[in-house]
Amino acid sequence: MSTAIAIFVKTPSLSPVKTRLAEGISKEKALEFYQLSLRCVQETLKSADAVPYWAVAEEDGLSDPLWQAFTALWTGEGRLGERQHHIYETLLQKHDRVLLIGADAPQLSKDILEQAIVELDTNDFVIGSARDGGYYLFGGRISTEQKIWSSVPWSTSMTRERLEAVLPSKPVHLQILTDVDTKDDLNFIAQEMPQKLNNSQKNLIEWIGETHDRKH
């Protein structure tokens, strides 16, 4: 039984990243967070029993040096739902289970990923709920129709709930985490980090402390 994990990313040299966060802490600081968060997720995935992929928003970004650690796949065109559906179905042709995650939940742990994988032994879907009403992780083991993904309103407080409502079976829930979209979200990251931090997570916690101190 093999598991794929796809991390949805944007290439900073080609697309704006963390624009809402930038409004609160500046474009430069938002880019710093994004790069640090990427390293956290990358280091966590290297320790997981799964095959990692970058799901890159820009076709021209596939060869960017940022995405050389894992195989990079283009998400294709369309809204977020269509892009997630494309990557999910593509990887499901090669693997028994597929997890989709973002790059803005640096506190994601190996334990959560392992729990998601185990739950998919006996359930069709698993979801890690985000504090803002979205989700930081979606996993499944069966094919889905594109209309499921196309019907969901993205970036709203109802996103996860609406997705769950149209799935063919009820997903198992993982613990709630914060995905970082705004300056206030940074306040939750330290307390949600796993007990055993990897080096990248330690660096991010230090960066948050320094950034917070400079703002006060």
N, C-alpha and C. Protein backbone atom coordinates (compact mmCIF):
# COMPACT_ATOMS: atom_id res chain seq x y z
N MET A 1 0.86 -1.20 0.00
CA MET A 1 0.00 0.00 0.00
C MET A 1 0.89 1.24 0.00
N SER A 2 0.78 2.05 -1.01
CA SER A 2 1.60 3.25 -1.09
C SER A 2 0.75 4.51 -0.94
N THR A 3 1.36 5.53 -0.36
CA THR A 3 0.69 6.80 -0.14
C THR A 3 1.47 7.93 -0.80
N ALA A 4 0.76 8.80 -1.51
CA ALA A 4 1.35 10.01 -2.06
C ALA A 4 0.91 11.20 -1.23
N ILE A 5 1.81 12.14 -1.02
CA ILE A 5 1.46 13.41 -0.38
C ILE A 5 1.84 14.54 -1.31
N ALA A 6 0.87 15.34 -1.71
CA ALA A 6 1.12 16.47 -2.60
C ALA A 6 1.01 17.77 -1.82
N ILE A 7 2.05 18.60 -1.90
CA ILE A 7 2.06 19.91 -1.24
C ILE A 7 1.77 20.97 -2.29
N PHE A 8 0.67 21.68 -2.12
CA PHE A 8 0.29 22.72 -3.08
C PHE A 8 1.09 23.99 -2.80
N VAL A 9 1.80 24.45 -3.83
CA VAL A 9 2.72 25.58 -3.65
C VAL A 9 2.60 26.55 -4.82
N LYS A 10 3.05 27.78 -4.56
CA LYS A 10 3.24 28.78 -5.60
C LYS A 10 4.73 29.12 -5.65
N THR A 11 5.20 29.46 -6.84
CA THR A 11 6.60 29.82 -7.02
C THR A 11 6.75 31.32 -6.80
N PRO A 12 7.47 31.75 -5.76
CA PRO A 12 7.52 33.18 -5.41
C PRO A 12 8.01 34.09 -6.53
N SER A 13 8.87 33.58 -7.40
CA SER A 13 9.37 34.42 -8.49
C SER A 13 8.34 34.62 -9.60
N LEU A 14 7.26 33.84 -9.55
CA LEU A 14 6.25 33.91 -10.61
C LEU A 14 4.88 34.36 -10.13
N SER A 15 4.59 34.18 -8.85
CA SER A 15 3.26 34.53 -8.31
C SER A 15 3.40 35.17 -6.94
N PRO A 16 2.49 36.08 -6.59
CA PRO A 16 2.48 36.62 -5.23
C PRO A 16 2.17 35.50 -4.23
N VAL A 17 2.82 35.54 -3.08
CA VAL A 17 2.56 34.53 -2.04
C VAL A 17 2.14 35.23 -0.74
N LYS A 18 1.24 34.59 -0.02
CA LYS A 18 0.79 35.05 1.30
C LYS A 18 0.43 36.54 1.28
N THR A 19 -0.46 36.93 0.37
CA THR A 19 -0.79 38.35 0.20
C THR A 19 -1.52 38.93 1.41
N ARG A 20 -2.40 38.16 2.03
CA ARG A 20 -3.11 38.66 3.21
C ARG A 20 -2.16 38.80 4.40
N LEU A 21 -1.24 37.87 4.53
CA LEU A 21 -0.23 37.98 5.58
C LEU A 21 0.64 39.19 5.35
N ALA A 22 0.96 39.47 4.08
CA ALA A 22 1.81 40.61 3.74
C ALA A 22 1.19 41.94 4.16
N GLU A 23 -0.13 42.00 4.14
CA GLU A 23 -0.82 43.23 4.56
C GLU A 23 -0.53 43.55 6.02
N GLY A 24 -0.25 42.52 6.81
CA GLY A 24 -0.01 42.74 8.24
C GLY A 24 1.44 42.83 8.64
N ILE A 25 2.34 42.19 7.86
CA ILE A 25 3.74 42.15 8.28
C ILE A 25 4.73 42.56 7.19
N SER A 26 4.26 42.94 6.02
CA SER A 26 5.04 43.38 4.85
C SER A 26 5.29 42.22 3.89
N LYS A 27 5.48 42.57 2.62
CA LYS A 27 5.73 41.55 1.59
C LYS A 27 7.00 40.76 1.89
N GLU A 28 8.03 41.46 2.34
CA GLU A 28 9.31 40.80 2.59
C GLU A 28 9.18 39.77 3.70
N LYS A 29 8.49 40.16 4.79
CA LYS A 29 8.32 39.24 5.91
C LYS A 29 7.40 38.08 5.55
N ALA A 30 6.39 38.34 4.74
CA ALA A 30 5.48 37.27 4.31
C ALA A 30 6.23 36.25 3.45
N LEU A 31 7.13 36.74 2.61
CA LEU A 31 7.94 35.83 1.81
C LEU A 31 8.87 35.02 2.70
N GLU A 32 9.46 35.65 3.71
CA GLU A 32 10.31 34.93 4.65
C GLU A 32 9.52 33.80 5.33
N PHE A 33 8.30 34.12 5.77
CA PHE A 33 7.47 33.09 6.41
C PHE A 33 7.22 31.94 5.44
N TYR A 34 6.85 32.28 4.22
CA TYR A 34 6.53 31.25 3.23
C TYR A 34 7.71 30.30 3.01
N GLN A 35 8.89 30.87 2.89
CA GLN A 35 10.07 30.05 2.65
C GLN A 35 10.41 29.18 3.87
N LEU A 36 10.27 29.76 5.07
CA LEU A 36 10.51 28.98 6.29
C LEU A 36 9.47 27.88 6.45
N SER A 37 8.23 28.19 6.14
CA SER A 37 7.15 27.20 6.24
C SER A 37 7.36 26.06 5.25
N LEU A 38 7.78 26.40 4.05
CA LEU A 38 8.10 25.37 3.06
C LEU A 38 9.14 24.39 3.60
N ARG A 39 10.16 24.93 4.23
CA ARG A 39 11.22 24.06 4.76
C ARG A 39 10.69 23.15 5.87
N CYS A 40 9.79 23.69 6.70
CA CYS A 40 9.19 22.88 7.76
C CYS A 40 8.44 21.70 7.17
N VAL A 41 7.58 21.98 6.20
CA VAL A 41 6.76 20.93 5.60
C VAL A 41 7.66 19.93 4.86
N GLN A 42 8.65 20.43 4.15
CA GLN A 42 9.55 19.54 3.42
C GLN A 42 10.29 18.60 4.37
N GLU A 43 10.80 19.13 5.48
CA GLU A 43 11.53 18.30 6.43
C GLU A 43 10.61 17.27 7.07
N THR A 44 9.38 17.65 7.38
CA THR A 44 8.42 16.71 7.97
C THR A 44 8.11 15.59 7.00
N LEU A 45 7.91 15.93 5.73
CA LEU A 45 7.56 14.90 4.75
C LEU A 45 8.70 13.93 4.49
N LYS A 46 9.91 14.38 4.63
CA LYS A 46 11.05 13.48 4.41
C LYS A 46 11.09 12.35 5.44
N SER A 47 10.43 12.56 6.58
CA SER A 47 10.42 11.53 7.62
C SER A 47 9.16 10.66 7.58
N ALA A 48 8.23 10.99 6.69
CA ALA A 48 6.97 10.25 6.62
C ALA A 48 7.09 9.06 5.66
N ASP A 49 6.29 8.04 5.91
CA ASP A 49 6.28 6.84 5.08
C ASP A 49 5.33 7.07 3.90
N ALA A 50 5.75 7.93 2.99
CA ALA A 50 4.93 8.29 1.85
C ALA A 50 5.82 8.87 0.76
N VAL A 51 5.26 8.98 -0.43
CA VAL A 51 6.00 9.55 -1.56
C VAL A 51 5.58 11.01 -1.72
N PRO A 52 6.48 11.97 -1.51
CA PRO A 52 6.11 13.39 -1.57
C PRO A 52 6.20 13.97 -2.98
N TYR A 53 5.29 14.89 -3.26
CA TYR A 53 5.28 15.61 -4.53
C TYR A 53 5.03 17.09 -4.25
N TRP A 54 5.60 17.95 -5.07
CA TRP A 54 5.18 19.36 -5.11
C TRP A 54 4.07 19.48 -6.14
N ALA A 55 2.97 20.12 -5.78
CA ALA A 55 1.91 20.45 -6.73
C ALA A 55 2.04 21.94 -7.02
N VAL A 56 2.66 22.26 -8.14
CA VAL A 56 3.10 23.62 -8.44
C VAL A 56 2.05 24.36 -9.27
N ALA A 57 1.72 25.57 -8.85
CA ALA A 57 0.64 26.33 -9.50
C ALA A 57 0.99 26.77 -10.92
N GLU A 58 2.27 27.02 -11.17
CA GLU A 58 2.68 27.59 -12.46
C GLU A 58 3.46 26.53 -13.27
N GLU A 59 3.06 26.32 -14.49
CA GLU A 59 3.78 25.36 -15.32
C GLU A 59 5.23 25.78 -15.50
N ASP A 60 5.46 27.09 -15.62
CA ASP A 60 6.83 27.60 -15.77
C ASP A 60 7.66 27.44 -14.50
N GLY A 61 7.00 27.14 -13.38
CA GLY A 61 7.72 27.02 -12.12
C GLY A 61 8.25 25.63 -11.82
N LEU A 62 7.93 24.66 -12.66
CA LEU A 62 8.31 23.27 -12.36
C LEU A 62 9.81 23.07 -12.23
N SER A 63 10.58 23.87 -12.94
CA SER A 63 12.04 23.71 -12.90
C SER A 63 12.72 24.62 -11.88
N ASP A 64 11.92 25.35 -11.10
CA ASP A 64 12.50 26.26 -10.12
C ASP A 64 13.31 25.48 -9.08
N PRO A 65 14.45 26.01 -8.65
CA PRO A 65 15.29 25.32 -7.65
C PRO A 65 14.55 24.97 -6.36
N LEU A 66 13.51 25.73 -6.01
CA LEU A 66 12.75 25.42 -4.79
C LEU A 66 12.13 24.04 -4.82
N TRP A 67 11.84 23.53 -6.01
CA TRP A 67 11.06 22.30 -6.12
C TRP A 67 11.90 21.10 -6.55
N GLN A 68 13.18 21.12 -6.27
CA GLN A 68 14.04 20.02 -6.71
C GLN A 68 14.10 18.85 -5.73
N ALA A 69 13.65 19.04 -4.49
CA ALA A 69 13.76 17.97 -3.49
C ALA A 69 12.79 16.82 -3.78
N PHE A 70 11.62 17.14 -4.33
CA PHE A 70 10.61 16.13 -4.64
C PHE A 70 10.22 16.26 -6.12
N THR A 71 9.52 15.25 -6.63
CA THR A 71 8.96 15.34 -7.98
C THR A 71 7.94 16.48 -8.02
N ALA A 72 8.03 17.31 -9.05
CA ALA A 72 7.12 18.46 -9.18
C ALA A 72 6.10 18.19 -10.27
N LEU A 73 4.83 18.40 -9.94
CA LEU A 73 3.72 18.22 -10.88
C LEU A 73 3.00 19.55 -11.06
N TRP A 74 2.59 19.85 -12.26
CA TRP A 74 1.80 21.05 -12.50
C TRP A 74 0.34 20.78 -12.14
N THR A 75 -0.27 21.72 -11.44
CA THR A 75 -1.65 21.53 -11.00
C THR A 75 -2.65 21.65 -12.13
N GLY A 76 -2.23 22.24 -13.25
CA GLY A 76 -3.16 22.52 -14.33
C GLY A 76 -3.86 23.85 -14.10
N GLU A 77 -4.72 24.20 -15.03
CA GLU A 77 -5.45 25.47 -14.95
C GLU A 77 -6.70 25.31 -14.08
N GLY A 78 -7.38 26.43 -13.85
CA GLY A 78 -8.66 26.38 -13.15
C GLY A 78 -8.59 26.91 -11.74
N ARG A 79 -9.74 26.85 -11.06
CA ARG A 79 -9.82 27.27 -9.67
C ARG A 79 -9.17 26.21 -8.79
N LEU A 80 -9.06 26.53 -7.51
CA LEU A 80 -8.37 25.63 -6.59
C LEU A 80 -9.00 24.24 -6.59
N GLY A 81 -10.33 24.18 -6.67
CA GLY A 81 -10.99 22.88 -6.66
C GLY A 81 -10.59 22.02 -7.84
N GLU A 82 -10.56 22.61 -9.03
CA GLU A 82 -10.17 21.85 -10.22
C GLU A 82 -8.71 21.40 -10.13
N ARG A 83 -7.88 22.26 -9.58
CA ARG A 83 -6.46 21.92 -9.46
C ARG A 83 -6.26 20.77 -8.46
N GLN A 84 -6.99 20.82 -7.33
CA GLN A 84 -6.87 19.75 -6.35
C GLN A 84 -7.39 18.44 -6.93
N HIS A 85 -8.51 18.51 -7.63
CA HIS A 85 -9.06 17.31 -8.26
C HIS A 85 -8.06 16.70 -9.24
N HIS A 86 -7.42 17.53 -10.04
CA HIS A 86 -6.47 17.05 -11.04
C HIS A 86 -5.30 16.31 -10.37
N ILE A 87 -4.72 16.91 -9.36
CA ILE A 87 -3.58 16.29 -8.68
C ILE A 87 -4.02 15.02 -7.94
N TYR A 88 -5.14 15.09 -7.26
CA TYR A 88 -5.65 13.92 -6.51
C TYR A 88 -5.85 12.73 -7.44
N GLU A 89 -6.56 12.95 -8.54
CA GLU A 89 -6.85 11.84 -9.46
C GLU A 89 -5.59 11.35 -10.17
N THR A 90 -4.69 12.26 -10.51
CA THR A 90 -3.43 11.86 -11.15
C THR A 90 -2.62 10.93 -10.25
N LEU A 91 -2.50 11.29 -8.99
CA LEU A 91 -1.70 10.49 -8.07
C LEU A 91 -2.40 9.21 -7.66
N LEU A 92 -3.73 9.21 -7.67
CA LEU A 92 -4.48 8.02 -7.31
C LEU A 92 -4.31 6.90 -8.35
N GLN A 93 -3.87 7.27 -9.54
CA GLN A 93 -3.59 6.26 -10.56
C GLN A 93 -2.30 5.49 -10.26
N LYS A 94 -1.43 6.10 -9.42
CA LYS A 94 -0.13 5.48 -9.11
C LYS A 94 -0.05 4.95 -7.68
N HIS A 95 -0.90 5.51 -6.80
CA HIS A 95 -0.81 5.18 -5.38
C HIS A 95 -2.17 4.74 -4.83
N ASP A 96 -2.13 4.04 -3.70
CA ASP A 96 -3.37 3.55 -3.08
C ASP A 96 -4.10 4.64 -2.31
N ARG A 97 -3.34 5.60 -1.77
CA ARG A 97 -3.91 6.69 -0.99
C ARG A 97 -3.22 7.98 -1.40
N VAL A 98 -3.96 9.08 -1.33
CA VAL A 98 -3.39 10.39 -1.68
C VAL A 98 -3.77 11.41 -0.61
N LEU A 99 -2.78 12.14 -0.13
CA LEU A 99 -3.00 13.25 0.80
C LEU A 99 -2.65 14.55 0.08
N LEU A 100 -3.50 15.55 0.25
CA LEU A 100 -3.24 16.89 -0.27
C LEU A 100 -3.05 17.84 0.90
N ILE A 101 -1.98 18.60 0.90
CA ILE A 101 -1.74 19.57 1.97
C ILE A 101 -1.26 20.89 1.35
N GLY A 102 -1.24 21.94 2.16
CA GLY A 102 -0.70 23.21 1.73
C GLY A 102 0.67 23.42 2.35
N ALA A 103 1.27 24.56 2.04
CA ALA A 103 2.59 24.89 2.58
C ALA A 103 2.51 25.91 3.70
N ASP A 104 1.28 26.19 4.18
CA ASP A 104 1.12 27.25 5.18
C ASP A 104 0.69 26.72 6.55
N ALA A 105 0.92 25.42 6.80
CA ALA A 105 0.70 24.85 8.14
C ALA A 105 2.00 24.18 8.56
N PRO A 106 3.00 24.99 8.96
CA PRO A 106 4.32 24.45 9.27
C PRO A 106 4.35 23.57 10.50
N GLN A 107 3.28 23.62 11.31
CA GLN A 107 3.21 22.80 12.52
C GLN A 107 2.71 21.39 12.24
N LEU A 108 2.39 21.09 11.00
CA LEU A 108 2.00 19.74 10.62
C LEU A 108 3.09 18.76 11.04
N SER A 109 2.69 17.66 11.66
CA SER A 109 3.66 16.72 12.22
C SER A 109 3.62 15.37 11.50
N LYS A 110 4.67 14.63 11.68
CA LYS A 110 4.73 13.26 11.16
C LYS A 110 3.61 12.42 11.75
N ASP A 111 3.29 12.62 13.03
CA ASP A 111 2.24 11.85 13.69
C ASP A 111 0.88 12.07 13.02
N ILE A 112 0.58 13.33 12.67
CA ILE A 112 -0.70 13.61 12.00
C ILE A 112 -0.75 12.94 10.64
N LEU A 113 0.34 13.00 9.91
CA LEU A 113 0.38 12.36 8.60
C LEU A 113 0.21 10.85 8.73
N GLU A 114 0.86 10.26 9.72
CA GLU A 114 0.74 8.82 9.93
C GLU A 114 -0.68 8.44 10.33
N GLN A 115 -1.32 9.27 11.15
CA GLN A 115 -2.70 9.01 11.52
C GLN A 115 -3.62 9.05 10.29
N ALA A 116 -3.39 10.04 9.43
CA ALA A 116 -4.20 10.16 8.21
C ALA A 116 -4.05 8.92 7.34
N ILE A 117 -2.83 8.43 7.22
CA ILE A 117 -2.57 7.25 6.39
C ILE A 117 -3.27 6.03 6.98
N VAL A 118 -3.18 5.85 8.29
CA VAL A 118 -3.82 4.70 8.94
C VAL A 118 -5.34 4.77 8.79
N GLU A 119 -5.91 5.96 8.96
CA GLU A 119 -7.37 6.10 8.84
C GLU A 119 -7.85 5.69 7.46
N LEU A 120 -7.02 5.90 6.45
CA LEU A 120 -7.42 5.55 5.08
C LEU A 120 -7.33 4.06 4.80
N ASP A 121 -6.86 3.28 5.77
CA ASP A 121 -6.94 1.82 5.63
C ASP A 121 -8.38 1.35 5.73
N THR A 122 -9.19 2.08 6.50
CA THR A 122 -10.57 1.62 6.75
C THR A 122 -11.63 2.66 6.40
N ASN A 123 -11.20 3.84 5.94
CA ASN A 123 -12.14 4.90 5.57
C ASN A 123 -11.75 5.44 4.20
N ASP A 124 -12.74 5.97 3.48
CA ASP A 124 -12.47 6.48 2.13
C ASP A 124 -11.82 7.86 2.14
N PHE A 125 -12.14 8.67 3.17
CA PHE A 125 -11.64 10.05 3.20
C PHE A 125 -11.22 10.46 4.61
N VAL A 126 -10.30 11.40 4.68
CA VAL A 126 -9.87 11.98 5.95
C VAL A 126 -9.64 13.47 5.72
N ILE A 127 -9.97 14.28 6.73
CA ILE A 127 -9.80 15.73 6.61
C ILE A 127 -9.18 16.29 7.89
N GLY A 128 -8.20 17.16 7.72
CA GLY A 128 -7.66 17.92 8.83
C GLY A 128 -8.24 19.33 8.79
N SER A 129 -9.11 19.63 9.73
CA SER A 129 -9.82 20.92 9.72
C SER A 129 -8.89 22.06 10.10
N ALA A 130 -9.04 23.17 9.40
CA ALA A 130 -8.30 24.39 9.74
C ALA A 130 -9.18 25.29 10.60
N ARG A 131 -8.53 26.10 11.41
CA ARG A 131 -9.24 26.95 12.35
C ARG A 131 -10.19 27.94 11.65
N ASP A 132 -9.88 28.31 10.40
CA ASP A 132 -10.68 29.32 9.72
C ASP A 132 -11.87 28.76 8.94
N GLY A 133 -12.11 27.44 9.06
CA GLY A 133 -13.23 26.85 8.36
C GLY A 133 -12.84 26.10 7.09
N GLY A 134 -11.58 26.18 6.73
CA GLY A 134 -11.08 25.42 5.60
C GLY A 134 -10.47 24.11 6.08
N TYR A 135 -9.46 23.63 5.38
CA TYR A 135 -8.77 22.42 5.81
C TYR A 135 -7.31 22.50 5.41
N TYR A 136 -6.46 21.90 6.24
CA TYR A 136 -5.02 21.88 5.95
C TYR A 136 -4.61 20.56 5.33
N LEU A 137 -5.50 19.56 5.37
CA LEU A 137 -5.19 18.25 4.80
C LEU A 137 -6.47 17.61 4.30
N PHE A 138 -6.39 17.04 3.11
CA PHE A 138 -7.46 16.20 2.58
C PHE A 138 -6.82 14.91 2.11
N GLY A 139 -7.42 13.80 2.46
CA GLY A 139 -6.89 12.53 2.00
C GLY A 139 -8.00 11.60 1.54
N GLY A 140 -7.67 10.75 0.60
CA GLY A 140 -8.67 9.80 0.12
C GLY A 140 -8.03 8.59 -0.52
N ARG A 141 -8.87 7.58 -0.75
CA ARG A 141 -8.39 6.35 -1.39
C ARG A 141 -9.29 5.93 -2.56
N ILE A 142 -10.34 6.70 -2.85
CA ILE A 142 -11.22 6.39 -3.97
C ILE A 142 -11.33 7.60 -4.89
N SER A 143 -11.66 7.34 -6.13
CA SER A 143 -11.79 8.40 -7.12
C SER A 143 -12.97 9.31 -6.80
N THR A 144 -12.87 10.57 -7.22
CA THR A 144 -13.94 11.54 -7.00
C THR A 144 -14.28 12.23 -8.31
N GLU A 145 -15.51 12.70 -8.42
CA GLU A 145 -15.92 13.44 -9.61
C GLU A 145 -15.49 14.90 -9.49
N GLN A 146 -15.16 15.51 -10.62
CA GLN A 146 -14.72 16.90 -10.59
C GLN A 146 -15.81 17.83 -10.06
N LYS A 147 -17.09 17.49 -10.31
CA LYS A 147 -18.17 18.37 -9.88
C LYS A 147 -18.21 18.52 -8.36
N ILE A 148 -17.68 17.54 -7.64
CA ILE A 148 -17.59 17.65 -6.18
C ILE A 148 -16.72 18.85 -5.81
N TRP A 149 -15.57 18.95 -6.46
CA TRP A 149 -14.61 20.00 -6.15
C TRP A 149 -15.06 21.35 -6.71
N SER A 150 -15.73 21.31 -7.85
CA SER A 150 -16.16 22.55 -8.50
C SER A 150 -17.28 23.24 -7.74
N SER A 151 -18.02 22.48 -6.93
CA SER A 151 -19.18 23.04 -6.25
C SER A 151 -18.83 23.72 -4.93
N VAL A 152 -17.58 23.59 -4.50
CA VAL A 152 -17.19 24.10 -3.17
C VAL A 152 -16.75 25.56 -3.26
N PRO A 153 -17.24 26.43 -2.36
CA PRO A 153 -16.74 27.81 -2.30
C PRO A 153 -15.40 27.83 -1.55
N TRP A 154 -14.38 28.37 -2.18
CA TRP A 154 -13.05 28.33 -1.58
C TRP A 154 -12.76 29.59 -0.78
N SER A 155 -11.89 29.45 0.21
CA SER A 155 -11.46 30.57 1.06
C SER A 155 -12.63 31.22 1.79
N THR A 156 -13.53 30.38 2.32
CA THR A 156 -14.62 30.88 3.15
C THR A 156 -14.65 30.07 4.44
N SER A 157 -15.45 30.52 5.40
CA SER A 157 -15.58 29.81 6.67
C SER A 157 -16.39 28.53 6.52
N MET A 158 -16.96 28.30 5.33
CA MET A 158 -17.78 27.12 5.09
C MET A 158 -17.11 26.11 4.16
N THR A 159 -15.88 26.36 3.77
CA THR A 159 -15.23 25.53 2.76
C THR A 159 -15.20 24.05 3.15
N ARG A 160 -14.66 23.74 4.32
CA ARG A 160 -14.56 22.33 4.73
C ARG A 160 -15.94 21.69 4.85
N GLU A 161 -16.86 22.40 5.47
CA GLU A 161 -18.21 21.87 5.68
C GLU A 161 -18.89 21.56 4.34
N ARG A 162 -18.72 22.45 3.38
CA ARG A 162 -19.36 22.25 2.08
C ARG A 162 -18.71 21.07 1.33
N LEU A 163 -17.40 20.95 1.44
CA LEU A 163 -16.73 19.82 0.80
C LEU A 163 -17.21 18.50 1.41
N GLU A 164 -17.26 18.45 2.72
CA GLU A 164 -17.71 17.23 3.39
C GLU A 164 -19.12 16.85 2.96
N ALA A 165 -19.95 17.85 2.76
CA ALA A 165 -21.35 17.60 2.43
C ALA A 165 -21.53 16.91 1.08
N VAL A 166 -20.58 17.11 0.17
CA VAL A 166 -20.74 16.55 -1.18
C VAL A 166 -19.85 15.32 -1.42
N LEU A 167 -19.05 14.94 -0.44
CA LEU A 167 -18.26 13.71 -0.59
C LEU A 167 -19.18 12.49 -0.53
N PRO A 168 -18.81 11.41 -1.21
CA PRO A 168 -19.67 10.22 -1.21
C PRO A 168 -19.78 9.52 0.14
N SER A 169 -18.83 9.76 1.04
CA SER A 169 -18.92 9.19 2.40
C SER A 169 -18.30 10.17 3.39
N LYS A 170 -18.66 10.02 4.64
CA LYS A 170 -18.22 10.95 5.69
C LYS A 170 -16.74 10.76 5.98
N PRO A 171 -15.96 11.84 5.99
CA PRO A 171 -14.52 11.72 6.27
C PRO A 171 -14.24 11.61 7.77
N VAL A 172 -13.12 10.99 8.09
CA VAL A 172 -12.62 11.00 9.46
C VAL A 172 -11.93 12.34 9.71
N HIS A 173 -12.10 12.89 10.90
CA HIS A 173 -11.50 14.18 11.23
C HIS A 173 -10.20 14.01 12.00
N LEU A 174 -9.20 14.77 11.61
CA LEU A 174 -7.96 14.88 12.37
C LEU A 174 -8.05 16.09 13.27
N GLN A 175 -7.02 16.34 14.07
CA GLN A 175 -7.04 17.49 14.96
C GLN A 175 -7.06 18.80 14.17
N ILE A 176 -7.58 19.84 14.79
CA ILE A 176 -7.65 21.16 14.16
C ILE A 176 -6.28 21.85 14.24
N LEU A 177 -5.87 22.46 13.14
CA LEU A 177 -4.66 23.27 13.10
C LEU A 177 -4.97 24.61 12.44
N THR A 178 -4.06 25.54 12.59
CA THR A 178 -4.19 26.85 11.96
C THR A 178 -3.34 26.88 10.70
N ASP A 179 -3.95 27.24 9.56
CA ASP A 179 -3.11 27.55 8.40
C ASP A 179 -2.96 29.08 8.36
N VAL A 180 -1.76 29.52 8.11
CA VAL A 180 -1.41 30.92 8.30
C VAL A 180 -1.81 31.75 7.08
N ASP A 181 -2.82 32.59 7.26
CA ASP A 181 -3.24 33.52 6.21
C ASP A 181 -3.06 34.98 6.63
N THR A 182 -3.13 35.24 7.94
CA THR A 182 -3.04 36.61 8.44
C THR A 182 -2.01 36.70 9.57
N LYS A 183 -1.67 37.91 9.94
CA LYS A 183 -0.71 38.13 11.03
C LYS A 183 -1.18 37.48 12.32
N ASP A 184 -2.48 37.57 12.62
CA ASP A 184 -3.00 36.99 13.86
C ASP A 184 -2.82 35.48 13.91
N ASP A 185 -2.83 34.83 12.75
CA ASP A 185 -2.68 33.37 12.73
C ASP A 185 -1.32 32.94 13.27
N LEU A 186 -0.32 33.79 13.17
CA LEU A 186 1.02 33.44 13.66
C LEU A 186 1.01 33.17 15.16
N ASN A 187 0.03 33.77 15.88
CA ASN A 187 -0.04 33.60 17.32
C ASN A 187 -0.33 32.16 17.74
N PHE A 188 -0.92 31.37 16.83
CA PHE A 188 -1.32 30.01 17.19
C PHE A 188 -0.24 28.97 16.88
N ILE A 189 0.74 29.34 16.06
CA ILE A 189 1.65 28.34 15.52
C ILE A 189 2.49 27.66 16.61
N ALA A 190 3.07 28.44 17.51
CA ALA A 190 3.95 27.86 18.52
C ALA A 190 3.23 26.83 19.38
N GLN A 191 1.99 27.16 19.80
CA GLN A 191 1.27 26.25 20.68
C GLN A 191 0.76 25.00 19.96
N GLU A 192 0.71 25.04 18.62
CA GLU A 192 0.25 23.88 17.86
C GLU A 192 1.39 23.02 17.34
N MET A 193 2.62 23.44 17.56
CA MET A 193 3.76 22.67 17.09
C MET A 193 3.83 21.32 17.82
N PRO A 194 4.35 20.28 17.16
CA PRO A 194 4.53 18.99 17.84
C PRO A 194 5.54 19.12 18.98
N GLN A 195 5.48 18.18 19.92
CA GLN A 195 6.41 18.23 21.05
C GLN A 195 7.86 18.12 20.59
N LYS A 196 8.09 17.26 19.60
CA LYS A 196 9.44 17.10 19.07
C LYS A 196 9.54 17.89 17.77
N LEU A 197 10.24 19.02 17.82
CA LEU A 197 10.36 19.89 16.65
C LEU A 197 11.50 19.46 15.75
N ASN A 198 11.30 19.57 14.45
CA ASN A 198 12.46 19.40 13.57
C ASN A 198 13.21 20.74 13.50
N ASN A 199 14.36 20.74 12.88
CA ASN A 199 15.20 21.94 12.87
C ASN A 199 14.51 23.12 12.19
N SER A 200 13.78 22.84 11.12
CA SER A 200 13.09 23.91 10.40
C SER A 200 11.98 24.53 11.25
N GLN A 201 11.30 23.69 12.00
CA GLN A 201 10.25 24.21 12.89
C GLN A 201 10.85 25.06 14.01
N LYS A 202 12.00 24.67 14.52
CA LYS A 202 12.69 25.48 15.53
C LYS A 202 13.05 26.85 14.95
N ASN A 203 13.55 26.86 13.72
CA ASN A 203 13.92 28.12 13.08
C ASN A 203 12.70 29.03 12.89
N LEU A 204 11.56 28.43 12.54
CA LEU A 204 10.36 29.23 12.32
C LEU A 204 9.84 29.82 13.63
N ILE A 205 9.86 29.03 14.70
CA ILE A 205 9.43 29.55 16.00
C ILE A 205 10.30 30.73 16.42
N GLU A 206 11.60 30.61 16.18
CA GLU A 206 12.52 31.71 16.51
C GLU A 206 12.19 32.94 15.66
N TRP A 207 11.91 32.73 14.38
CA TRP A 207 11.57 33.84 13.48
C TRP A 207 10.28 34.53 13.92
N ILE A 208 9.28 33.76 14.31
CA ILE A 208 8.02 34.34 14.77
C ILE A 208 8.26 35.19 16.01
N GLY A 209 9.09 34.69 16.92
CA GLY A 209 9.39 35.45 18.14
C GLY A 209 10.08 36.76 17.81
N GLU A 210 11.04 36.73 16.91
CA GLU A 210 11.76 37.95 16.53
C GLU A 210 10.85 38.93 15.80
N THR A 211 10.02 38.42 14.91
CA THR A 211 9.09 39.28 14.16
C THR A 211 8.07 39.91 15.09
N HIS A 212 7.58 39.13 16.03
CA HIS A 212 6.58 39.64 16.99
C HIS A 212 7.19 40.72 17.87
N ASP A 213 8.43 40.49 18.31
CA ASP A 213 9.10 41.46 19.18
C ASP A 213 9.30 42.80 18.47
N ARG A 214 9.60 42.73 17.17
CA ARG A 214 9.86 43.97 16.42
C ARG A 214 8.57 44.75 16.17
N LYS A 215 7.44 44.06 16.27
CA LYS A 215 6.15 44.72 16.03
C LYS A 215 5.60 45.36 17.30
N HIS A 216 6.28 45.14 18.43
CA HIS A 216 5.77 45.69 19.70
C HIS A 216 6.83 46.55 20.36
